[in-house]
Every structure is written in C-alpha cells, then in structure tokens.
Protein backbone atom coordinates (compact mmCIF):
# COMPACT_ATOMS: atom_id res chain seq x y z
CA UNK A 1 -10.10 -5.29 -53.43
CA UNK A 2 -10.40 -3.81 -49.95
CA UNK A 3 -12.49 -5.96 -47.63
CA UNK A 4 -14.68 -3.03 -46.51
CA UNK A 5 -15.53 -2.25 -50.15
CA UNK A 6 -16.21 -5.90 -50.85
CA UNK A 7 -18.52 -6.08 -47.82
CA UNK A 8 -20.38 -2.90 -48.80
CA UNK A 9 -20.94 -4.18 -52.35
CA UNK A 10 -22.06 -7.61 -51.12
CA UNK A 11 -24.50 -6.20 -48.57
CA UNK A 12 -25.91 -3.81 -51.18
CA UNK A 13 -26.49 -6.81 -53.46
CA UNK A 14 -28.64 -8.47 -50.78
CA UNK A 15 -26.09 -10.64 -48.97
CA UNK A 16 -26.94 -11.18 -45.29
CA UNK A 17 -24.28 -9.87 -42.93
CA UNK A 18 -23.96 -13.23 -41.14
CA UNK A 19 -23.06 -14.85 -44.48
CA UNK A 20 -20.25 -12.42 -45.27
CA UNK A 21 -17.54 -14.63 -43.74
CA UNK A 22 -18.59 -17.55 -45.97
CA UNK A 23 -18.78 -15.26 -48.98
CA UNK A 24 -15.37 -13.79 -48.25
CA UNK A 25 -13.74 -17.22 -47.97
CA UNK A 26 -15.14 -18.33 -51.34
CA UNK A 27 -14.74 -15.10 -53.32
CA UNK A 28 -11.68 -15.31 -55.62
CA UNK A 29 -8.86 -12.94 -54.64
CA UNK A 30 -7.90 -12.19 -58.22
CA UNK A 31 -9.96 -9.50 -59.92
CA UNK A 32 -11.31 -11.96 -62.50
CA UNK A 33 -14.94 -11.54 -61.41
CA UNK A 34 -16.93 -8.73 -59.80
CA UNK A 35 -18.80 -9.10 -56.52
CA UNK A 36 -22.16 -8.77 -58.29
CA UNK A 37 -21.32 -11.44 -60.87
CA UNK A 38 -20.07 -13.82 -58.19
CA UNK A 39 -23.19 -13.36 -56.08
CA UNK A 40 -25.46 -13.82 -59.10
CA UNK A 41 -23.71 -17.13 -59.78
CA UNK A 42 -24.04 -18.50 -56.25
CA UNK A 43 -27.55 -17.22 -55.50
CA UNK A 44 -29.22 -20.38 -56.82
CA UNK A 45 -27.02 -22.78 -54.86
CA UNK A 46 -26.74 -20.70 -51.67
CA UNK A 47 -30.08 -18.89 -51.18
CA UNK A 48 -29.55 -18.86 -47.41
CA UNK A 49 -26.83 -16.23 -47.92
CA UNK A 50 -29.35 -13.69 -49.13
CA UNK A 51 -31.97 -11.65 -47.33
CA UNK A 52 -35.50 -12.41 -48.48
CA UNK A 53 -37.39 -9.69 -50.29
CA UNK A 54 -39.13 -7.47 -47.75
CA UNK A 55 -42.65 -8.19 -49.02
CA UNK A 56 -42.08 -11.98 -48.93
CA UNK A 57 -40.86 -11.78 -45.33
CA UNK A 58 -43.81 -9.59 -44.31
CA UNK A 59 -46.32 -11.91 -45.97
CA UNK A 60 -44.71 -14.93 -44.28
CA UNK A 61 -45.68 -13.50 -40.89
CA UNK A 62 -49.38 -14.01 -41.56
CA UNK A 63 -49.55 -16.86 -44.11
CA UNK A 64 -48.34 -20.45 -43.90
CA UNK A 65 -48.28 -20.66 -47.70
CA UNK A 66 -45.93 -17.67 -47.83
CA UNK A 67 -43.78 -19.23 -45.11
CA UNK A 68 -43.38 -22.29 -47.33
CA UNK A 69 -42.40 -20.08 -50.26
CA UNK A 70 -39.92 -18.23 -48.03
CA UNK A 71 -38.36 -21.54 -46.91
CA UNK A 72 -38.05 -22.71 -50.53
CA UNK A 73 -36.51 -19.39 -51.50
CA UNK A 74 -33.93 -18.83 -48.74
CA UNK A 75 -33.73 -22.11 -46.80
CA UNK A 76 -35.15 -23.26 -43.48
CA UNK A 77 -32.47 -21.81 -41.21
CA UNK A 78 -32.66 -18.35 -42.76
CA UNK A 79 -36.48 -18.41 -42.74
CA UNK A 80 -36.45 -19.44 -39.10
CA UNK A 81 -34.15 -16.51 -38.33
CA UNK A 82 -36.44 -14.06 -40.16
CA UNK A 83 -39.50 -15.34 -38.28
CA UNK A 84 -37.65 -15.29 -34.95
CA UNK A 85 -37.06 -11.55 -35.39
CA UNK A 86 -40.85 -11.20 -35.08
CA UNK A 87 -41.23 -13.68 -32.21
CA UNK A 88 -42.46 -16.55 -34.38
CA UNK A 89 -41.33 -20.06 -35.27
CA UNK A 90 -41.88 -21.91 -38.52
CA UNK A 91 -45.53 -22.92 -38.62
CA UNK A 92 -46.72 -20.01 -36.46
CA UNK A 93 -48.42 -16.95 -37.88
CA UNK A 94 -49.71 -13.63 -36.62
CA UNK A 95 -53.25 -12.72 -37.54
CA UNK A 96 -53.31 -10.17 -40.35
CA UNK A 97 -53.62 -6.57 -39.25
CA UNK A 98 -57.23 -5.56 -38.90
CA UNK A 99 -58.64 -2.45 -40.42
CA UNK A 100 -59.42 0.31 -37.97
CA UNK A 101 -61.74 -0.97 -35.31
CA UNK A 102 -65.04 0.79 -35.39
CA UNK A 103 -65.69 2.91 -32.33
CA UNK A 104 -69.02 2.17 -30.72
CA UNK A 105 -71.46 4.98 -31.39
CA UNK A 106 -69.41 6.89 -33.95
CA UNK A 107 -72.35 6.85 -36.37
CA UNK A 108 -74.99 7.72 -33.75
CA UNK A 109 -75.42 11.51 -33.54
CA UNK A 110 -76.66 11.19 -29.94
CA UNK A 111 -73.53 9.32 -28.77
CA UNK A 112 -70.57 11.03 -27.10
CA UNK A 113 -68.27 9.29 -29.61
CA UNK A 114 -70.04 10.70 -32.68
CA UNK A 115 -67.56 11.22 -35.48
CA UNK A 116 -68.25 14.71 -36.76
CA UNK A 117 -68.60 18.37 -35.87
CA UNK A 118 -71.49 19.77 -33.77
CA UNK A 119 -73.06 21.15 -36.97
CA UNK A 120 -72.86 17.70 -38.60
CA UNK A 121 -74.39 16.20 -35.45
CA UNK A 122 -77.38 18.55 -35.61
CA UNK A 123 -77.83 17.98 -39.34
CA UNK A 124 -77.74 14.20 -38.84
CA UNK A 125 -80.31 14.36 -36.02
CA UNK A 126 -82.63 16.49 -38.18
CA UNK A 127 -82.19 14.12 -41.10
CA UNK A 128 -83.02 11.08 -38.94
CA UNK A 129 -86.14 12.72 -37.51
CA UNK A 130 -87.35 13.74 -41.00
CA UNK A 131 -86.64 10.42 -42.71
CA UNK A 132 -87.21 7.77 -40.01
CA UNK A 133 -89.35 9.61 -37.49
CA UNK A 134 -89.15 10.52 -33.83
CA UNK A 135 -89.63 6.95 -32.60
CA UNK A 136 -86.43 5.81 -34.34
CA UNK A 137 -84.60 8.96 -33.19
CA UNK A 138 -85.70 8.26 -29.61
CA UNK A 139 -84.37 4.68 -29.82
CA UNK A 140 -81.00 5.96 -31.07
CA UNK A 141 -80.91 8.52 -28.26
CA UNK A 142 -81.81 5.86 -25.70
CA UNK A 143 -79.00 3.59 -26.90
CA UNK A 144 -76.62 6.51 -26.31
CA UNK A 145 -78.05 7.11 -22.82
CA UNK A 146 -79.78 10.42 -23.57
CA UNK A 147 -83.25 11.69 -24.46
CA UNK A 148 -84.16 12.88 -27.95
CA UNK A 149 -83.29 16.42 -26.82
CA UNK A 150 -79.82 15.30 -25.66
CA UNK A 151 -80.45 15.37 -21.89
CA UNK A 152 -79.16 12.39 -19.84
CA UNK A 153 -81.75 9.71 -19.14
CA UNK A 154 -83.15 9.55 -15.62
CA UNK A 155 -82.28 6.39 -13.79
C-alpha cells in the first residue's frame, strides 16, 4: 500500500498526524489487514494516537469533569496538547460563553439604545403611559436622561 494512501486512510479514521510515524512502524506490510481494522484493534490500547471527538474537546475547555473524561479517553499527553491549543493547561478552564450581554436601556423606549423602530418606540411609550401612568413614564425618561417628551434634561 502506498504510504500517502495509508496516511490519508488513517487520518480519516481519526488518527492524529503526530502519531502517524508510530502507526506506520507498527502497521503490517502484508495486506492481511486493512487500515481501519488495524486502527480499531489498537484504539483501546493506544487512545493517545487518536483525536478526541470535537464535542468532548470543546466541553473540556470549560469543565474539569470533562477534562477528566478527556484524559481517560485519550491520555494525559494528548489531552494536554488539546488544551494547549486553546492556551490552557490541565486543571484550567475557560468560563463558559455567556449569552448575549444585555445592552443597558434596550428595553427603555426613552433610551438612545432602545431596541426597536421609531414606531415601536412611540407605541411602547403610549403603552407605558396608559398602563403605568405618567409618573412611571417620567422616571423611565429621567433614567435615560430625557424628559417625558424626549427633550434632554436641563443640568
């Protein structure tokens, strides 16, 4: 079998590129076994040869429990290498990604950062005045730095 073909098949089966030299030295030269069968046989005894599943590696970035599972699955050296690609060491985690941070004032129709169209802004102001009254509407306007009519506050 041509070495380039053997490498392509091995990498497609999940073998890490740095482990190809070890794989190549142990793979029998006779065509008695396929690359896939050989890799399936050695996966249990040489998990460090294989790339971790993407989701396991991603979860290991923000969970120590998942890091432990990753180490058990692929070995400490390989897990350390995966974490190092993200600037981490074993035992370090990144905080999980936060949902979109709320922009201050996006729900206040008097604020500059109001999330909506001018028509939605006017409808929201009218709704607030009808349901909660002008005193509440004035407090919302004041927190946005304007009067109830939308003019800037005098300082």
